[in-house]
Protein backbone atom coordinates (compact mmCIF):
# COMPACT_ATOMS: atom_id res chain seq x y z
CA MET A 1 0.00 0.00 0.00
CA GLY A 2 1.46 3.37 -1.08
CA ASN A 3 1.65 6.38 1.21
CA MET A 4 -1.33 8.10 -0.38
CA GLU A 5 -3.52 5.02 -0.18
CA LEU A 6 -2.39 4.36 3.39
CA LEU A 7 -3.29 7.91 4.42
CA ALA A 8 -6.66 7.67 2.68
CA THR A 9 -7.45 4.47 4.53
CA ALA A 10 -6.36 5.96 7.86
CA LEU A 11 -8.44 9.13 7.44
CA GLU A 12 -11.50 7.15 6.41
CA TYR A 13 -11.10 4.80 9.37
CA LEU A 14 -10.78 7.71 11.78
CA GLU A 15 -13.86 9.49 10.43
CA ASN A 16 -15.89 6.31 10.93
CA HIS A 17 -14.66 5.75 14.49
CA LEU A 18 -14.46 9.22 16.04
CA GLU A 19 -17.15 8.35 18.57
CA GLU A 20 -15.29 5.21 19.68
CA ASP A 21 -12.19 4.53 21.74
CA VAL A 22 -9.97 4.67 18.68
CA ARG A 23 -6.30 3.95 19.24
CA THR A 24 -3.36 4.42 16.91
CA GLU A 25 -2.62 0.70 17.00
CA ALA A 26 -6.11 -0.06 15.71
CA VAL A 27 -5.78 2.49 12.91
CA ALA A 28 -2.41 1.05 11.92
CA GLY A 29 -3.92 -2.44 11.93
CA ALA A 30 -6.71 -1.31 9.60
CA CYS A 31 -4.04 0.11 7.27
CA TYR A 32 -1.84 -3.01 7.47
CA CYS A 33 1.15 -0.97 8.61
CA SER A 34 3.11 -0.40 11.78
CA LYS A 35 2.19 2.22 14.34
CA SER A 36 5.50 4.00 13.77
CA THR A 37 4.91 4.15 10.00
CA LEU A 38 1.48 5.67 10.50
CA GLU A 39 2.72 8.22 13.04
CA LYS A 40 5.58 9.21 10.76
CA LEU A 41 3.18 9.73 7.86
CA PHE A 42 0.81 11.87 9.93
CA ARG A 43 3.61 14.04 11.28
CA CYS A 44 5.02 14.45 7.75
CA VAL A 45 1.72 15.48 6.16
CA MET A 46 -0.41 16.82 9.04
CA HIS A 47 2.43 18.02 11.29
CA ILE A 48 0.58 16.51 14.27
CA SER A 49 0.19 13.03 15.75
CA VAL A 50 -2.69 10.67 15.02
CA HIS A 51 -4.00 11.29 18.54
CA ASP A 52 -3.93 15.08 18.11
CA TYR A 53 -5.77 14.79 14.78
CA VAL A 54 -8.45 12.64 16.43
CA VAL A 55 -8.88 15.12 19.30
CA ARG A 56 -9.27 18.04 16.90
CA ARG A 57 -11.83 16.25 14.73
CA ARG A 58 -13.76 15.08 17.80
CA MET A 59 -13.86 18.57 19.24
CA MET A 60 -14.95 19.90 15.85
CA LYS A 61 -17.92 17.54 15.78
CA ALA A 62 -18.64 18.05 19.47
CA ALA A 63 -18.73 21.82 18.98
CA LYS A 64 -21.11 21.45 16.06
CA LEU A 65 -23.38 19.28 18.20
CA LEU A 66 -23.28 21.72 21.12
CA PHE A 67 -24.30 24.50 18.77
CA ALA A 68 -26.99 22.55 16.91
CA GLU A 69 -28.57 20.91 19.97
CA PRO A 70 -28.64 23.44 22.83
CA GLU A 71 -30.84 21.09 24.88
CA ALA A 72 -28.15 18.38 24.94
CA SER A 73 -26.12 18.30 28.14
CA VAL A 74 -22.36 18.74 28.01
CA LEU A 75 -21.96 15.35 29.67
CA ALA A 76 -24.11 13.68 27.00
CA VAL A 77 -21.92 15.18 24.28
CA ALA A 78 -18.79 14.16 26.19
CA LEU A 79 -20.00 10.56 26.47
CA GLN A 80 -20.88 10.46 22.78
CA PHE A 81 -17.28 11.27 21.89
CA GLY A 82 -15.66 8.87 24.30
CA TYR A 83 -15.07 11.05 27.36
CA SER A 84 -16.30 9.62 30.65
CA THR A 85 -16.37 12.89 32.62
CA ASN A 86 -17.13 16.56 32.05
CA GLU A 87 -13.64 17.40 33.26
CA SER A 88 -11.75 15.30 30.69
CA PHE A 89 -14.01 16.50 27.87
CA THR A 90 -13.67 20.15 28.93
CA ARG A 91 -9.86 19.89 28.98
CA ALA A 92 -9.82 18.51 25.43
CA PHE A 93 -12.41 21.05 24.23
CA LYS A 94 -10.51 23.98 25.71
CA GLN A 95 -7.26 22.86 24.06
CA VAL A 96 -8.94 23.22 20.67
CA TRP A 97 -11.42 26.08 21.15
CA ASN A 98 -9.70 28.01 23.97
CA CYS A 99 -12.96 28.15 25.93
CA ASN A 100 -15.21 25.80 27.91
CA PRO A 101 -18.11 23.99 26.19
CA SER A 102 -20.63 26.13 28.09
CA GLU A 103 -18.87 29.33 26.96
CA PHE A 104 -18.84 28.09 23.37
CA ARG A 105 -22.62 27.79 23.43
CA GLY A 106 -22.82 31.55 23.89
CA LYS A 107 -21.44 32.09 20.37
CA THR A 108 -23.89 33.50 17.84
CA ARG A 109 -23.14 30.88 15.21
CA PHE A 110 -20.98 27.86 14.51
CA THR A 111 -17.88 28.31 12.38
CA GLU A 112 -15.56 25.65 11.00
CA LEU A 113 -12.11 25.34 12.58
CA TYR A 114 -10.98 21.77 11.86
CA PRO A 115 -12.82 20.40 8.82
CA ARG A 116 -11.85 16.99 7.53
CA ARG A 117 -8.49 16.99 5.74
CA LEU A 118 -8.31 16.33 2.02
CA LEU A 119 -5.79 13.90 0.62
CA PRO A 120 -2.41 15.24 -0.43
CA VAL A 121 -1.13 14.90 -3.96
CA GLU A 122 1.71 12.42 -4.07
CA ASN A 123 4.64 12.97 -6.40
CA GLY A 124 6.88 9.94 -6.02
CA ASP A 125 7.66 9.88 -2.32
CA GLU A 126 7.16 13.60 -1.85
CA PHE A 127 3.91 15.15 -0.66
CA MET A 128 2.89 18.36 -2.34
CA SER A 129 1.61 21.44 -0.50
CA SER A 130 -1.99 20.55 -1.40
CA GLY A 131 -1.82 18.21 1.57
CA LYS A 132 -2.74 21.29 3.60
CA ARG A 133 -6.20 21.36 2.04
CA VAL A 134 -9.36 20.64 3.96
CA ASP A 135 -12.79 19.37 2.95
CA ILE A 136 -15.20 22.16 2.00
CA SER A 137 -17.77 19.81 0.47
CA GLU A 138 -20.31 20.58 3.22
CA LEU A 139 -20.46 24.19 2.03
CA TYR A 140 -19.99 23.53 -1.68
CA ASP A 141 -23.67 24.14 -2.50
CA LEU A 142 -23.58 27.37 -0.50
CA PHE A 143 -20.49 28.55 -2.38
CA VAL A 144 -22.22 27.84 -5.68
CA GLN A 145 -25.43 29.59 -4.59
CA ARG A 146 -23.46 32.67 -3.61
CA ARG A 147 -21.27 32.92 -6.69
CA GLY A 148 -22.42 36.49 -7.22
CA CYS A 149 -21.65 37.40 -3.61
CA TYR A 150 -18.34 38.64 -2.29
CA PHE A 151 -15.89 36.55 -0.30
CA VAL A 152 -13.42 37.86 2.29
CA CYS A 153 -10.26 35.75 2.32
CA SER A 154 -7.48 35.78 4.89
CA ASP A 155 -4.36 34.08 6.12
CA ILE A 156 -1.70 34.78 8.74
CA HIS A 157 1.45 36.80 8.13
CA HIS A 158 4.52 34.76 9.19
CA LEU A 159 2.67 31.83 10.76
CA MET A 160 5.83 29.72 10.50
CA GLU A 161 7.62 32.11 12.85
CA ILE A 162 4.80 31.72 15.37
CA ASN A 163 4.98 27.93 14.97
CA ASP A 164 8.71 28.16 15.68
CA ILE A 165 7.79 29.45 19.13
CA SER A 166 5.34 26.57 19.58
CA HIS A 167 2.77 24.78 17.44
CA LYS A 168 0.31 25.50 20.26
CA ALA A 169 1.01 29.19 19.74
CA GLY A 170 0.31 28.65 16.04
CA ASP A 171 -2.98 26.94 16.90
CA LEU A 172 -3.92 29.91 19.08
CA ALA A 173 -3.09 32.29 16.23
CA ILE A 174 -5.33 30.33 13.84
CA LEU A 175 -8.18 30.28 16.36
CA THR A 176 -7.79 34.03 16.89
CA GLU A 177 -7.87 34.56 13.11
CA LEU A 178 -11.18 32.73 12.96
CA GLU A 179 -12.56 34.72 15.90
CA ARG A 180 -11.62 38.04 14.28
CA LEU A 181 -13.32 37.05 11.03
CA ASP A 182 -16.37 35.74 12.86
CA ALA A 183 -16.69 38.95 14.88
CA ALA A 184 -16.50 41.10 11.73
CA ALA A 185 -18.92 39.00 9.65
CA GLY A 186 -22.68 39.50 9.48
CA GLU A 187 -25.35 37.12 10.75
CA GLU A 188 -25.95 35.50 7.34
CA ASP A 189 -22.24 35.17 6.54
CA VAL A 190 -20.35 31.91 7.03
CA VAL A 191 -16.70 31.57 8.08
CA PHE A 192 -14.88 28.46 6.89
CA ARG A 193 -11.32 27.18 6.95
CA ILE A 194 -9.94 26.20 3.54
CA GLY A 195 -6.28 25.56 4.38
CA ALA A 196 -3.63 25.50 7.08
CA ASP A 197 -4.22 29.13 8.13
CA GLU A 198 -6.52 30.20 5.31
CA PHE A 199 -10.13 31.18 5.95
CA VAL A 200 -12.97 32.54 3.86
CA VAL A 201 -15.97 34.60 4.92
CA VAL A 202 -18.76 33.67 2.51
CA THR A 203 -20.95 36.76 2.56
CA ASN A 204 -24.56 36.95 1.48
CA SER A 205 -24.05 40.27 -0.30
CA THR A 206 -23.31 41.35 -3.87
CA ASP A 207 -22.22 44.77 -2.58
CA ILE A 208 -18.44 45.11 -2.54
CA THR A 209 -18.60 47.87 0.06
CA TYR A 210 -20.18 45.39 2.50
CA ALA A 211 -17.32 42.93 2.04
CA GLU A 212 -14.70 45.70 2.21
CA ALA A 213 -16.18 46.83 5.53
CA ILE A 214 -15.68 43.32 6.93
CA ALA A 215 -12.12 43.26 5.64
CA GLU A 216 -11.39 46.66 7.17
CA LYS A 217 -12.70 45.53 10.57
CA VAL A 218 -10.33 42.57 10.44
CA ARG A 219 -7.37 44.70 9.32
CA ALA A 220 -8.04 47.11 12.18
CA LYS A 221 -7.04 44.32 14.57
CA ASN A 222 -3.66 43.79 12.88
CA GLY A 223 -0.82 44.07 15.34
CA GLU A 224 -2.95 43.21 18.36
CA PRO A 225 -1.11 40.38 20.11
CA ILE A 226 -2.13 36.93 21.14
CA VAL A 227 -0.78 35.89 24.52
CA PHE A 228 0.91 32.50 24.74
CA GLU A 229 2.46 31.40 28.04
CA GLY A 230 2.80 35.03 29.09
CA LYS A 231 4.47 36.09 25.83
CA GLU A 232 2.76 38.64 23.57
CA ILE A 233 2.92 37.72 19.88
CA PRO A 234 1.65 40.32 17.38
CA LEU A 235 -0.87 38.84 14.94
CA ILE A 236 -1.22 40.26 11.44
CA LEU A 237 -3.63 38.93 8.81
CA TYR A 238 -3.55 39.31 5.07
CA VAL A 239 -7.13 40.12 4.01
CA GLY A 240 -8.58 40.33 0.51
CA VAL A 241 -12.03 40.71 -1.04
CA THR A 242 -13.10 38.81 -4.13
CA LYS A 243 -15.90 36.96 -5.85
CA LEU A 244 -15.65 33.88 -7.99
CA SER A 245 -15.15 34.09 -11.72
CA GLU A 246 -18.17 33.45 -13.90
CA GLY A 247 -18.64 29.75 -14.60
CA VAL A 248 -16.67 28.45 -11.61
CA VAL A 249 -18.83 25.62 -10.30
CA ARG A 250 -16.59 22.56 -10.14
CA TYR A 251 -15.23 21.68 -6.73
CA ASN A 252 -11.54 21.70 -7.73
CA GLU A 253 -11.91 24.97 -9.64
CA LEU A 254 -13.63 26.56 -6.67
CA PHE A 255 -10.91 25.45 -4.27
CA THR A 256 -8.10 26.57 -6.56
CA GLU A 257 -9.60 29.99 -7.18
CA LEU A 258 -10.18 30.69 -3.49
CA HIS A 259 -6.55 29.91 -2.71
CA GLN A 260 -5.42 32.03 -5.64
CA LYS A 261 -7.42 34.99 -4.35
CA ILE A 262 -5.70 34.65 -0.96
CA MET A 263 -2.29 34.70 -2.67
CA GLU A 264 -3.29 37.85 -4.55
CA SER A 265 -4.18 39.59 -1.26
CA LYS A 266 -0.59 39.38 0.00
């Protein structure tokens, strides 16, 4: 089994077992490879361990459930995703969302932070940068419906330097990026992650001044620091406004154009 096929099998297995006590050994067994091979592959492509990927995807789904079903208790959600106590679930949730589950429920809307990862493109034994892509299929219909509307795209200036301090600092920077976009967006707008540190606000407006106002609100925060372990780290976002070209409806074309628009904003 090649690296790409192995990764595909592992990701599919994990998605189907997120609500179970999934262990790396079991995933490796389903892929007919060793645990060390699987961990090496995940760290090469995802830059995190299998366990960390599972935690992030679980907390993504748990957050969506907390938002969609306000009557569900936090403990019920915790049990659904394999946590036996509120305390253990809250620790995991806070690591990803930087707030408690009860605080998260106070948000006005749910926004995507850790969508499912897309497969990388394999070139011999080397993985191309497209391995950073994530699955936007859930919002594909929305993107198509709003082709005439404006999108606000962003990514982080010098994220690698923040990651050099700590990958946890990088995670905090990405979460703060999402929060800034979410705070600037309108009620009918949707914020979605489309890459490692790349986000898009899908507006419901064909008025460019509306989208530019969102972008300006985000830019106004540039330079404000995040605080990681007592250290202030200035956070600056590239922000651009665009709308899709006429005729862009295919998934791959959509994804490619959104990333291109982000590059043009730099």
